[in-house]
Structure formats: C-alpha cells, structure tokens
Amino acid sequence: MTAEWYYVGHYGQLGPLTLDDMESLIRDEVILRETMVWKPGLANWVPAIQAIELGPLFIPANPNVPPTYQPNTTPPPYIPGGNTVPAAPDPAANFGAPTAWNTPNYTYPVAPTYVQIHNYSNGMSDRSRVLAGILQLILPGVGRMYLGYSAIGVIQLLLFPCGVGAVWSFIDGIVILVGGVRLDGYGRTLNP
C-alpha cells in the first residue's frame, strides 16, 4: 500500500500516510469528519468525510451527504486558518487566458472555521450578588470564591488571622452588596 494521503492537523500538514494509517487515525479520532485531507487525484483539500475512501470509515451521521472526488495530480497549497489559493499564473504562458486571478466572481474554497460555544448565551451569571455579599461578610473570602475570583478569596482567607483579611473581606462584602462588583469571575453580569 502506498503512502499518498495528507491531512491538516494541529501542527500543520502531515503525511504522506497509507490508507491503513488514515483508518487508524480516524478510529482514534485524530482525524475527524471536518479534518482537511488530500491525496493525488483530488483537485483540492476536502473534509475527510467527503473523500471516497475515507467517508465510509466514519459512523454515518447524515447518509445524504454525497462524496466529492475530482482527479488531479498536484496538491493545491494549504494556508492554515484561511483559504486555499491557486498558484500565481505565469505571465509568459497563456497571456490573457482566464485564470483564477483574472476571472470575475471567482470564489476561493474556505477551510472550515471553529466557533467556541458558551452555555451562557445572554451573558447573565448564575451567581447572586446578594448571596456573594452575605457570604463575604460572614466568611472572609468565600463570597469572592463563590463569584469565581478564587485568588482574591484565598488571599483574604490567608490574611484573616492577622486581621487585614477580616477588614478587607468586610469592606469587600459591603462593596459587593451595594453593586460595586457587577461581573462574576467569568465576565458575566451578576444577578441581583
């Protein structure tokens, strides 16, 4: 079996690999459905799920996705984080012939982008300002830890025996209660 497969991983383009190597990487979930792959014969980098040889190796999530396969012999350049761009045309060859550089409305294929999804879509915290203030007044540093400011809470607890932490925590509890602290440690707006 010849090593002809390439894929784009966390550290850039990797390969050449055999089909058995690719199957092992898919099984170990190193190569995912959206991982960009290429081998001689493909016109461009494609998601692994769309490669004819690799698509069946994935557990089918949507059986209506047709595979795409276009023969070619040279790999197109891959720009990590951006588009795949064709090589610059040779000015001496094919002067005036349409290319990707002078054809209007040419669209470049775009690599998939990944978006971090947060559980808090409205930016509101699940923490209460009043509860945090009361905890801070009763137990030094605990109110700050409840809000997600663990470092400040631990420092207040450590300074409590010498008295500085007790005064600091008491004043901090009042500041929290009157609304001086508006965000929790994760940057979300506190509930009243």
N, C-alpha and C. Protein backbone atom coordinates (compact mmCIF):
# COMPACT_ATOMS: atom_id res chain seq x y z
N MET A 1 0.85 -1.18 0.00
CA MET A 1 0.00 0.00 0.00
C MET A 1 0.90 1.24 0.00
N THR A 2 0.61 2.17 -0.87
CA THR A 2 1.46 3.36 -1.00
C THR A 2 1.00 4.46 -0.05
N ALA A 3 1.97 5.22 0.42
CA ALA A 3 1.68 6.35 1.30
C ALA A 3 1.41 7.56 0.42
N GLU A 4 0.15 7.98 0.33
CA GLU A 4 -0.19 9.10 -0.53
C GLU A 4 -1.17 10.07 0.10
N TRP A 5 -1.62 9.81 1.33
CA TRP A 5 -2.61 10.66 1.98
C TRP A 5 -1.93 11.73 2.82
N TYR A 6 -2.51 12.92 2.82
CA TYR A 6 -2.06 14.04 3.65
C TYR A 6 -3.27 14.57 4.41
N TYR A 7 -3.03 15.11 5.60
CA TYR A 7 -4.11 15.77 6.33
C TYR A 7 -3.55 16.95 7.08
N VAL A 8 -4.43 17.89 7.44
CA VAL A 8 -4.03 19.08 8.16
C VAL A 8 -4.41 18.89 9.62
N GLY A 9 -3.40 18.74 10.47
CA GLY A 9 -3.61 18.54 11.90
C GLY A 9 -3.30 19.80 12.68
N HIS A 10 -3.13 19.65 13.98
CA HIS A 10 -2.84 20.80 14.86
C HIS A 10 -1.50 21.43 14.54
N TYR A 11 -0.58 20.66 13.98
CA TYR A 11 0.77 21.17 13.73
C TYR A 11 1.03 21.40 12.24
N GLY A 12 -0.03 21.50 11.46
CA GLY A 12 0.11 21.77 10.04
C GLY A 12 -0.13 20.53 9.19
N GLN A 13 0.38 20.56 7.98
CA GLN A 13 0.17 19.47 7.03
C GLN A 13 1.02 18.28 7.42
N LEU A 14 0.40 17.10 7.49
CA LEU A 14 1.11 15.87 7.86
C LEU A 14 0.91 14.82 6.78
N GLY A 15 1.92 14.03 6.53
CA GLY A 15 1.84 12.96 5.55
C GLY A 15 3.15 12.85 4.81
N PRO A 16 3.27 11.93 3.90
CA PRO A 16 2.28 11.03 3.34
C PRO A 16 2.01 9.84 4.26
N LEU A 17 0.77 9.37 4.24
CA LEU A 17 0.32 8.24 5.04
C LEU A 17 -0.39 7.24 4.15
N THR A 18 -0.41 5.98 4.58
CA THR A 18 -1.14 4.96 3.84
C THR A 18 -2.61 5.02 4.24
N LEU A 19 -3.45 4.33 3.49
CA LEU A 19 -4.88 4.28 3.81
C LEU A 19 -5.09 3.59 5.16
N ASP A 20 -4.26 2.59 5.48
CA ASP A 20 -4.36 1.94 6.80
C ASP A 20 -4.02 2.92 7.92
N ASP A 21 -3.01 3.77 7.70
CA ASP A 21 -2.67 4.79 8.70
C ASP A 21 -3.83 5.75 8.90
N MET A 22 -4.44 6.16 7.79
CA MET A 22 -5.58 7.08 7.88
C MET A 22 -6.74 6.43 8.62
N GLU A 23 -6.99 5.14 8.34
CA GLU A 23 -8.07 4.43 9.01
C GLU A 23 -7.81 4.36 10.51
N SER A 24 -6.58 4.13 10.90
CA SER A 24 -6.21 4.08 12.31
C SER A 24 -6.41 5.45 12.97
N LEU A 25 -6.02 6.53 12.28
CA LEU A 25 -6.19 7.88 12.83
C LEU A 25 -7.66 8.27 12.94
N ILE A 26 -8.49 7.80 12.02
CA ILE A 26 -9.93 8.06 12.10
C ILE A 26 -10.52 7.29 13.28
N ARG A 27 -10.10 6.04 13.43
CA ARG A 27 -10.60 5.23 14.54
C ARG A 27 -10.21 5.83 15.89
N ASP A 28 -9.00 6.41 15.97
CA ASP A 28 -8.53 7.02 17.22
C ASP A 28 -9.01 8.45 17.38
N GLU A 29 -9.85 8.92 16.45
CA GLU A 29 -10.43 10.26 16.45
C GLU A 29 -9.39 11.37 16.39
N VAL A 30 -8.26 11.09 15.74
CA VAL A 30 -7.28 12.13 15.45
C VAL A 30 -7.74 12.89 14.21
N ILE A 31 -8.23 12.14 13.22
CA ILE A 31 -8.82 12.73 12.03
C ILE A 31 -10.33 12.68 12.21
N LEU A 32 -10.95 13.85 12.16
CA LEU A 32 -12.40 13.96 12.33
C LEU A 32 -13.05 14.18 10.97
N ARG A 33 -14.36 14.23 10.94
CA ARG A 33 -15.10 14.42 9.69
C ARG A 33 -14.67 15.69 8.97
N GLU A 34 -14.44 16.77 9.72
CA GLU A 34 -14.13 18.05 9.10
C GLU A 34 -12.64 18.27 8.88
N THR A 35 -11.77 17.32 9.23
CA THR A 35 -10.34 17.44 9.00
C THR A 35 -10.07 17.47 7.50
N MET A 36 -9.29 18.44 7.05
CA MET A 36 -9.00 18.59 5.63
C MET A 36 -7.96 17.56 5.21
N VAL A 37 -8.25 16.81 4.12
CA VAL A 37 -7.36 15.76 3.61
C VAL A 37 -7.12 15.97 2.12
N TRP A 38 -6.04 15.35 1.62
CA TRP A 38 -5.73 15.41 0.20
C TRP A 38 -4.90 14.19 -0.16
N LYS A 39 -5.03 13.72 -1.39
CA LYS A 39 -4.16 12.70 -1.98
C LYS A 39 -4.11 12.97 -3.48
N PRO A 40 -3.11 12.46 -4.17
CA PRO A 40 -3.07 12.66 -5.61
C PRO A 40 -4.35 12.12 -6.24
N GLY A 41 -4.94 12.94 -7.07
CA GLY A 41 -6.21 12.60 -7.70
C GLY A 41 -7.32 13.52 -7.24
N LEU A 42 -7.18 14.12 -6.06
CA LEU A 42 -8.17 15.08 -5.58
C LEU A 42 -7.79 16.47 -6.10
N ALA A 43 -8.76 17.23 -6.53
CA ALA A 43 -8.50 18.56 -7.08
C ALA A 43 -8.13 19.55 -5.99
N ASN A 44 -8.62 19.33 -4.78
CA ASN A 44 -8.42 20.30 -3.72
C ASN A 44 -8.48 19.57 -2.39
N TRP A 45 -8.12 20.26 -1.32
CA TRP A 45 -8.30 19.71 0.02
C TRP A 45 -9.80 19.59 0.28
N VAL A 46 -10.21 18.47 0.84
CA VAL A 46 -11.62 18.24 1.14
C VAL A 46 -11.75 17.75 2.58
N PRO A 47 -12.91 17.96 3.21
CA PRO A 47 -13.13 17.35 4.52
C PRO A 47 -13.05 15.83 4.40
N ALA A 48 -12.52 15.16 5.39
CA ALA A 48 -12.29 13.71 5.33
C ALA A 48 -13.57 12.94 5.02
N ILE A 49 -14.70 13.41 5.50
CA ILE A 49 -15.97 12.71 5.27
C ILE A 49 -16.33 12.70 3.80
N GLN A 50 -15.81 13.63 3.00
CA GLN A 50 -16.15 13.71 1.59
C GLN A 50 -15.20 12.92 0.69
N ALA A 51 -14.10 12.39 1.23
CA ALA A 51 -13.19 11.58 0.43
C ALA A 51 -13.80 10.19 0.28
N ILE A 52 -13.82 9.67 -0.94
CA ILE A 52 -14.49 8.40 -1.23
C ILE A 52 -13.94 7.26 -0.37
N GLU A 53 -12.62 7.18 -0.22
CA GLU A 53 -12.03 6.09 0.54
C GLU A 53 -12.22 6.26 2.05
N LEU A 54 -12.29 7.50 2.53
CA LEU A 54 -12.35 7.74 3.98
C LEU A 54 -13.77 7.89 4.50
N GLY A 55 -14.68 8.39 3.68
CA GLY A 55 -16.06 8.63 4.12
C GLY A 55 -16.71 7.44 4.78
N PRO A 56 -16.61 6.22 4.21
CA PRO A 56 -17.26 5.06 4.83
C PRO A 56 -16.66 4.67 6.19
N LEU A 57 -15.48 5.17 6.52
CA LEU A 57 -14.84 4.82 7.79
C LEU A 57 -15.46 5.55 8.98
N PHE A 58 -16.22 6.61 8.69
CA PHE A 58 -16.88 7.36 9.76
C PHE A 58 -18.26 6.76 10.01
N ILE A 59 -18.71 6.85 11.25
CA ILE A 59 -20.06 6.42 11.57
C ILE A 59 -21.00 7.41 10.91
N PRO A 60 -21.94 6.95 10.08
CA PRO A 60 -22.77 7.89 9.32
C PRO A 60 -23.66 8.74 10.24
N ALA A 61 -23.49 10.06 10.13
CA ALA A 61 -24.35 11.00 10.86
C ALA A 61 -25.45 11.49 9.94
N ASN A 62 -25.10 11.70 8.67
CA ASN A 62 -26.08 12.14 7.69
C ASN A 62 -25.83 11.36 6.40
N PRO A 63 -26.62 10.33 6.14
CA PRO A 63 -26.35 9.50 4.97
C PRO A 63 -26.62 10.20 3.64
N ASN A 64 -27.16 11.41 3.63
CA ASN A 64 -27.48 12.12 2.39
C ASN A 64 -26.35 13.00 1.89
N VAL A 65 -25.17 12.98 2.55
CA VAL A 65 -24.04 13.81 2.12
C VAL A 65 -23.31 13.09 0.99
N PRO A 66 -23.33 13.64 -0.22
CA PRO A 66 -22.64 12.96 -1.32
C PRO A 66 -21.14 13.19 -1.26
N PRO A 67 -20.34 12.18 -1.57
CA PRO A 67 -18.88 12.39 -1.59
C PRO A 67 -18.48 13.15 -2.84
N THR A 68 -17.39 13.91 -2.74
CA THR A 68 -16.89 14.63 -3.90
C THR A 68 -15.50 14.10 -4.22
N TYR A 69 -15.23 13.87 -5.48
CA TYR A 69 -13.95 13.34 -5.92
C TYR A 69 -13.64 13.91 -7.29
N GLN A 70 -12.51 14.61 -7.39
CA GLN A 70 -12.11 15.19 -8.66
C GLN A 70 -10.64 14.86 -8.88
N PRO A 71 -10.29 14.21 -10.00
CA PRO A 71 -8.90 13.82 -10.21
C PRO A 71 -7.98 15.02 -10.45
N ASN A 72 -6.78 14.91 -9.92
CA ASN A 72 -5.73 15.91 -10.09
C ASN A 72 -4.42 15.24 -9.70
N THR A 73 -3.28 15.82 -10.04
CA THR A 73 -2.01 15.19 -9.72
C THR A 73 -1.14 16.00 -8.78
N THR A 74 -1.36 17.29 -8.63
CA THR A 74 -0.53 18.10 -7.74
C THR A 74 -1.39 18.69 -6.64
N PRO A 75 -0.88 18.73 -5.40
CA PRO A 75 -1.69 19.26 -4.31
C PRO A 75 -1.76 20.78 -4.38
N PRO A 76 -2.92 21.34 -4.12
CA PRO A 76 -3.01 22.79 -4.03
C PRO A 76 -2.40 23.24 -2.71
N PRO A 77 -1.89 24.46 -2.64
CA PRO A 77 -1.31 24.93 -1.37
C PRO A 77 -2.40 25.08 -0.32
N TYR A 78 -2.03 24.82 0.92
CA TYR A 78 -2.98 24.98 2.02
C TYR A 78 -2.47 26.07 2.95
N ILE A 79 -3.30 27.05 3.24
CA ILE A 79 -2.94 28.13 4.15
C ILE A 79 -3.72 27.89 5.42
N PRO A 80 -3.03 27.57 6.55
CA PRO A 80 -3.77 27.22 7.76
C PRO A 80 -4.63 28.38 8.25
N GLY A 81 -5.77 28.40 8.51
CA GLY A 81 -6.58 29.49 9.01
C GLY A 81 -7.16 30.33 7.90
N GLY A 82 -6.99 29.97 6.68
CA GLY A 82 -7.50 30.80 5.62
C GLY A 82 -7.99 30.00 4.44
N ASN A 83 -7.78 30.54 3.29
CA ASN A 83 -8.31 29.95 2.06
C ASN A 83 -7.23 29.14 1.37
N THR A 84 -7.65 28.26 0.49
CA THR A 84 -6.70 27.64 -0.40
C THR A 84 -6.62 28.53 -1.62
N VAL A 85 -5.42 28.84 -2.04
CA VAL A 85 -5.21 29.82 -3.10
C VAL A 85 -4.45 29.15 -4.24
N PRO A 86 -4.90 29.32 -5.48
CA PRO A 86 -4.15 28.73 -6.60
C PRO A 86 -2.80 29.41 -6.76
N ALA A 87 -1.87 28.70 -7.38
CA ALA A 87 -0.55 29.27 -7.62
C ALA A 87 -0.68 30.48 -8.55
N ALA A 88 0.24 31.43 -8.39
CA ALA A 88 0.22 32.63 -9.22
C ALA A 88 0.45 32.25 -10.68
N PRO A 89 -0.27 32.86 -11.60
CA PRO A 89 -0.12 32.50 -13.01
C PRO A 89 1.23 32.95 -13.56
N ASP A 90 1.72 32.19 -14.53
CA ASP A 90 2.95 32.56 -15.22
C ASP A 90 2.59 33.61 -16.27
N PRO A 91 3.16 34.83 -16.19
CA PRO A 91 2.75 35.89 -17.12
C PRO A 91 3.09 35.57 -18.57
N ALA A 92 4.13 34.75 -18.82
CA ALA A 92 4.52 34.46 -20.20
C ALA A 92 3.62 33.42 -20.84
N ALA A 93 3.06 32.53 -20.02
CA ALA A 93 2.22 31.46 -20.57
C ALA A 93 0.76 31.87 -20.52
N ASN A 94 0.02 31.54 -21.56
CA ASN A 94 -1.42 31.79 -21.62
C ASN A 94 -1.78 33.24 -21.36
N PHE A 95 -1.07 34.14 -21.99
CA PHE A 95 -1.33 35.57 -21.77
C PHE A 95 -2.78 35.89 -22.14
N GLY A 96 -3.53 36.43 -21.20
CA GLY A 96 -4.91 36.83 -21.44
C GLY A 96 -5.91 35.71 -21.26
N ALA A 97 -5.45 34.47 -21.04
CA ALA A 97 -6.39 33.37 -20.84
C ALA A 97 -7.01 33.50 -19.45
N PRO A 98 -8.28 33.11 -19.30
CA PRO A 98 -8.90 33.24 -17.98
C PRO A 98 -8.23 32.35 -16.96
N THR A 99 -7.92 32.91 -15.81
CA THR A 99 -7.37 32.16 -14.67
C THR A 99 -8.14 32.58 -13.44
N ALA A 100 -7.77 31.97 -12.32
CA ALA A 100 -8.42 32.34 -11.06
C ALA A 100 -8.13 33.79 -10.69
N TRP A 101 -7.00 34.32 -11.23
CA TRP A 101 -6.62 35.68 -10.85
C TRP A 101 -7.33 36.74 -11.68
N ASN A 102 -7.75 36.42 -12.87
CA ASN A 102 -8.39 37.46 -13.67
C ASN A 102 -9.82 37.12 -14.08
N THR A 103 -10.38 36.04 -13.54
CA THR A 103 -11.77 35.68 -13.84
C THR A 103 -12.67 36.35 -12.81
N PRO A 104 -13.66 37.15 -13.24
CA PRO A 104 -14.53 37.77 -12.27
C PRO A 104 -15.38 36.74 -11.54
N ASN A 105 -15.75 37.06 -10.33
CA ASN A 105 -16.62 36.24 -9.48
C ASN A 105 -16.01 34.88 -9.13
N TYR A 106 -14.68 34.78 -9.13
CA TYR A 106 -14.05 33.54 -8.71
C TYR A 106 -14.11 33.46 -7.19
N THR A 107 -14.57 32.36 -6.65
CA THR A 107 -14.62 32.21 -5.19
C THR A 107 -13.59 31.18 -4.77
N TYR A 108 -12.89 31.48 -3.71
CA TYR A 108 -11.88 30.59 -3.18
C TYR A 108 -12.53 29.65 -2.17
N PRO A 109 -12.19 28.36 -2.19
CA PRO A 109 -12.74 27.46 -1.18
C PRO A 109 -12.21 27.86 0.19
N VAL A 110 -13.04 27.81 1.18
CA VAL A 110 -12.67 28.25 2.52
C VAL A 110 -12.61 27.03 3.44
N ALA A 111 -11.55 26.97 4.22
CA ALA A 111 -11.42 25.89 5.21
C ALA A 111 -12.48 26.10 6.30
N PRO A 112 -12.91 25.03 6.95
CA PRO A 112 -13.93 25.19 7.98
C PRO A 112 -13.41 26.01 9.16
N THR A 113 -14.28 26.81 9.75
CA THR A 113 -13.91 27.60 10.91
C THR A 113 -14.57 26.99 12.14
N TYR A 114 -13.97 27.20 13.27
CA TYR A 114 -14.48 26.62 14.50
C TYR A 114 -14.87 27.76 15.44
N VAL A 115 -16.03 27.64 16.04
CA VAL A 115 -16.55 28.67 16.92
C VAL A 115 -16.72 28.08 18.30
N GLN A 116 -16.21 28.78 19.31
CA GLN A 116 -16.39 28.31 20.67
C GLN A 116 -17.80 28.65 21.12
N ILE A 117 -18.50 27.67 21.65
CA ILE A 117 -19.88 27.85 22.06
C ILE A 117 -19.93 27.92 23.59
N HIS A 118 -20.55 28.96 24.10
CA HIS A 118 -20.69 29.13 25.54
C HIS A 118 -22.10 28.74 25.97
N ASN A 119 -22.22 28.25 27.19
CA ASN A 119 -23.53 27.87 27.71
C ASN A 119 -24.37 29.09 28.08
N TYR A 120 -23.74 30.23 28.25
CA TYR A 120 -24.45 31.42 28.68
C TYR A 120 -24.64 32.34 27.49
N SER A 121 -25.74 32.20 26.80
CA SER A 121 -25.95 32.96 25.57
C SER A 121 -26.35 34.40 25.85
N ASN A 122 -26.95 34.69 27.01
CA ASN A 122 -27.39 36.05 27.27
C ASN A 122 -26.41 36.83 28.14
N GLY A 123 -25.29 36.22 28.58
CA GLY A 123 -24.30 36.92 29.36
C GLY A 123 -24.66 37.09 30.82
N MET A 124 -25.71 36.43 31.29
CA MET A 124 -26.12 36.53 32.70
C MET A 124 -25.47 35.41 33.50
N SER A 125 -24.99 35.75 34.68
CA SER A 125 -24.37 34.77 35.56
C SER A 125 -25.44 33.99 36.31
N ASP A 126 -25.07 32.79 36.74
CA ASP A 126 -25.96 32.02 37.59
C ASP A 126 -25.69 32.31 39.07
N ARG A 127 -24.82 33.27 39.36
CA ARG A 127 -24.44 33.64 40.72
C ARG A 127 -25.22 34.88 41.18
N SER A 128 -25.54 34.94 42.47
CA SER A 128 -26.30 36.05 43.04
C SER A 128 -25.37 37.04 43.74
N ARG A 129 -25.55 38.33 43.45
CA ARG A 129 -24.75 39.38 44.09
C ARG A 129 -25.02 39.44 45.58
N VAL A 130 -26.30 39.32 45.98
CA VAL A 130 -26.66 39.41 47.40
C VAL A 130 -26.06 38.26 48.19
N LEU A 131 -26.18 37.03 47.66
CA LEU A 131 -25.61 35.87 48.34
C LEU A 131 -24.10 36.00 48.48
N ALA A 132 -23.44 36.48 47.42
CA ALA A 132 -21.99 36.66 47.47
C ALA A 132 -21.60 37.69 48.53
N GLY A 133 -22.36 38.79 48.62
CA GLY A 133 -22.06 39.81 49.63
C GLY A 133 -22.23 39.29 51.05
N ILE A 134 -23.31 38.53 51.29
CA ILE A 134 -23.55 37.98 52.63
C ILE A 134 -22.47 36.96 52.98
N LEU A 135 -22.13 36.08 52.04
CA LEU A 135 -21.05 35.12 52.29
C LEU A 135 -19.74 35.84 52.60
N GLN A 136 -19.48 36.90 51.89
CA GLN A 136 -18.24 37.65 52.10
C GLN A 136 -18.21 38.30 53.48
N LEU A 137 -19.37 38.77 53.99
CA LEU A 137 -19.42 39.38 55.32
C LEU A 137 -19.26 38.34 56.42
N ILE A 138 -19.83 37.14 56.22
CA ILE A 138 -19.81 36.11 57.27
C ILE A 138 -18.50 35.33 57.25
N LEU A 139 -18.08 34.88 56.08
CA LEU A 139 -16.88 34.06 55.95
C LEU A 139 -15.90 34.76 55.01
N PRO A 140 -14.81 35.30 55.50
CA PRO A 140 -13.87 36.06 54.67
C PRO A 140 -13.37 35.27 53.46
N GLY A 141 -13.52 35.86 52.28
CA GLY A 141 -13.01 35.29 51.04
C GLY A 141 -13.97 34.33 50.34
N VAL A 142 -14.95 33.78 51.06
CA VAL A 142 -15.84 32.79 50.48
C VAL A 142 -16.76 33.41 49.43
N GLY A 143 -17.20 34.64 49.66
CA GLY A 143 -18.04 35.33 48.69
C GLY A 143 -17.31 35.55 47.37
N ARG A 144 -16.03 35.92 47.45
CA ARG A 144 -15.22 36.12 46.24
C ARG A 144 -15.01 34.80 45.51
N MET A 145 -14.77 33.73 46.27
CA MET A 145 -14.61 32.42 45.64
C MET A 145 -15.91 31.97 44.98
N TYR A 146 -17.04 32.26 45.60
CA TYR A 146 -18.34 31.92 45.03
C TYR A 146 -18.55 32.63 43.69
N LEU A 147 -18.06 33.87 43.59
CA LEU A 147 -18.21 34.64 42.34
C LEU A 147 -17.21 34.22 41.26
N GLY A 148 -16.21 33.41 41.62
CA GLY A 148 -15.23 32.98 40.63
C GLY A 148 -13.90 33.71 40.75
N TYR A 149 -13.74 34.55 41.76
CA TYR A 149 -12.48 35.25 42.00
C TYR A 149 -11.71 34.47 43.07
N SER A 150 -11.24 33.28 42.73
CA SER A 150 -10.63 32.37 43.70
C SER A 150 -9.35 32.93 44.31
N ALA A 151 -8.51 33.58 43.51
CA ALA A 151 -7.24 34.09 44.01
C ALA A 151 -7.47 35.15 45.09
N ILE A 152 -8.41 36.07 44.86
CA ILE A 152 -8.70 37.11 45.86
C ILE A 152 -9.25 36.46 47.12
N GLY A 153 -10.16 35.48 46.97
CA GLY A 153 -10.74 34.81 48.12
C GLY A 153 -9.70 34.09 48.96
N VAL A 154 -8.78 33.40 48.31
CA VAL A 154 -7.74 32.68 49.05
C VAL A 154 -6.83 33.66 49.77
N ILE A 155 -6.47 34.76 49.15
CA ILE A 155 -5.62 35.76 49.81
C ILE A 155 -6.33 36.34 51.03
N GLN A 156 -7.63 36.62 50.90
CA GLN A 156 -8.37 37.14 52.05
C GLN A 156 -8.42 36.11 53.18
N LEU A 157 -8.58 34.84 52.85
CA LEU A 157 -8.57 33.80 53.89
C LEU A 157 -7.21 33.69 54.56
N LEU A 158 -6.14 33.77 53.79
CA LEU A 158 -4.80 33.67 54.35
C LEU A 158 -4.45 34.86 55.23
N LEU A 159 -4.98 36.04 54.89
CA LEU A 159 -4.70 37.25 55.68
C LEU A 159 -5.66 37.42 56.86
N PHE A 160 -6.66 36.56 56.98
CA PHE A 160 -7.65 36.68 58.06
C PHE A 160 -7.04 36.61 59.46
N PRO A 161 -6.10 35.69 59.74
CA PRO A 161 -5.57 35.60 61.11
C PRO A 161 -4.87 36.87 61.58
N CYS A 162 -4.27 37.64 60.70
CA CYS A 162 -3.58 38.86 61.14
C CYS A 162 -4.51 40.07 61.16
N GLY A 163 -5.77 39.91 60.80
CA GLY A 163 -6.74 40.99 60.89
C GLY A 163 -6.94 41.77 59.60
N VAL A 164 -5.93 41.82 58.74
CA VAL A 164 -6.04 42.56 57.49
C VAL A 164 -7.09 41.92 56.60
N GLY A 165 -7.11 40.59 56.54
CA GLY A 165 -8.07 39.88 55.71
C GLY A 165 -9.50 40.08 56.18
N ALA A 166 -9.70 40.20 57.52
CA ALA A 166 -11.05 40.39 58.05
C ALA A 166 -11.60 41.76 57.65
N VAL A 167 -10.78 42.81 57.78
CA VAL A 167 -11.21 44.16 57.41
C VAL A 167 -11.45 44.24 55.91
N TRP A 168 -10.53 43.70 55.14
CA TRP A 168 -10.64 43.70 53.68
C TRP A 168 -11.90 42.96 53.24
N SER A 169 -12.16 41.79 53.82
CA SER A 169 -13.33 41.00 53.45
C SER A 169 -14.62 41.71 53.82
N PHE A 170 -14.66 42.37 55.00
CA PHE A 170 -15.86 43.08 55.43
C PHE A 170 -16.18 44.23 54.47
N ILE A 171 -15.16 45.02 54.13
CA ILE A 171 -15.36 46.13 53.19
C ILE A 171 -15.74 45.60 51.81
N ASP A 172 -15.09 44.53 51.39
CA ASP A 172 -15.39 43.91 50.10
C ASP A 172 -16.82 43.39 50.05
N GLY A 173 -17.32 42.82 51.17
CA GLY A 173 -18.69 42.33 51.24
C GLY A 173 -19.69 43.47 51.06
N ILE A 174 -19.41 44.61 51.66
CA ILE A 174 -20.29 45.78 51.52
C ILE A 174 -20.26 46.28 50.07
N VAL A 175 -19.07 46.33 49.46
CA VAL A 175 -18.95 46.77 48.07
C VAL A 175 -19.75 45.85 47.14
N ILE A 176 -19.69 44.54 47.39
CA ILE A 176 -20.45 43.59 46.57
C ILE A 176 -21.95 43.82 46.76
N LEU A 177 -22.40 44.01 48.00
CA LEU A 177 -23.83 44.20 48.28
C LEU A 177 -24.41 45.46 47.64
N VAL A 178 -23.63 46.55 47.62
CA VAL A 178 -24.15 47.80 47.05
C VAL A 178 -24.00 47.87 45.53
N GLY A 179 -23.45 46.81 44.91
CA GLY A 179 -23.38 46.76 43.45
C GLY A 179 -22.07 47.20 42.86
N GLY A 180 -21.02 47.30 43.68
CA GLY A 180 -19.71 47.70 43.16
C GLY A 180 -19.06 46.62 42.30
N VAL A 181 -19.47 45.40 42.49
CA VAL A 181 -18.97 44.30 41.67
C VAL A 181 -20.13 43.89 40.77
N ARG A 182 -20.00 44.09 39.47
CA ARG A 182 -21.11 43.82 38.54
C ARG A 182 -20.94 42.54 37.74
N LEU A 183 -19.71 42.04 37.65
CA LEU A 183 -19.44 40.84 36.86
C LEU A 183 -18.86 39.75 37.75
N ASP A 184 -19.17 38.50 37.41
CA ASP A 184 -18.54 37.40 38.13
C ASP A 184 -17.15 37.17 37.54
N GLY A 185 -16.44 36.18 38.05
CA GLY A 185 -15.07 35.91 37.60
C GLY A 185 -14.97 35.45 36.17
N TYR A 186 -16.10 35.15 35.52
CA TYR A 186 -16.12 34.70 34.14
C TYR A 186 -16.58 35.79 33.19
N GLY A 187 -16.79 37.01 33.70
CA GLY A 187 -17.18 38.13 32.86
C GLY A 187 -18.66 38.22 32.57
N ARG A 188 -19.51 37.50 33.32
CA ARG A 188 -20.94 37.54 33.10
C ARG A 188 -21.60 38.47 34.13
N THR A 189 -22.69 39.10 33.76
CA THR A 189 -23.40 40.04 34.63
C THR A 189 -24.04 39.28 35.78
N LEU A 190 -23.82 39.78 37.01
CA LEU A 190 -24.38 39.13 38.19
C LEU A 190 -25.88 39.34 38.30
N ASN A 191 -26.57 38.34 38.84
CA ASN A 191 -27.99 38.50 39.19
C ASN A 191 -28.08 39.32 40.47
N PRO A 192 -29.15 40.11 40.62
CA PRO A 192 -29.27 40.92 41.84
C PRO A 192 -29.44 40.07 43.09
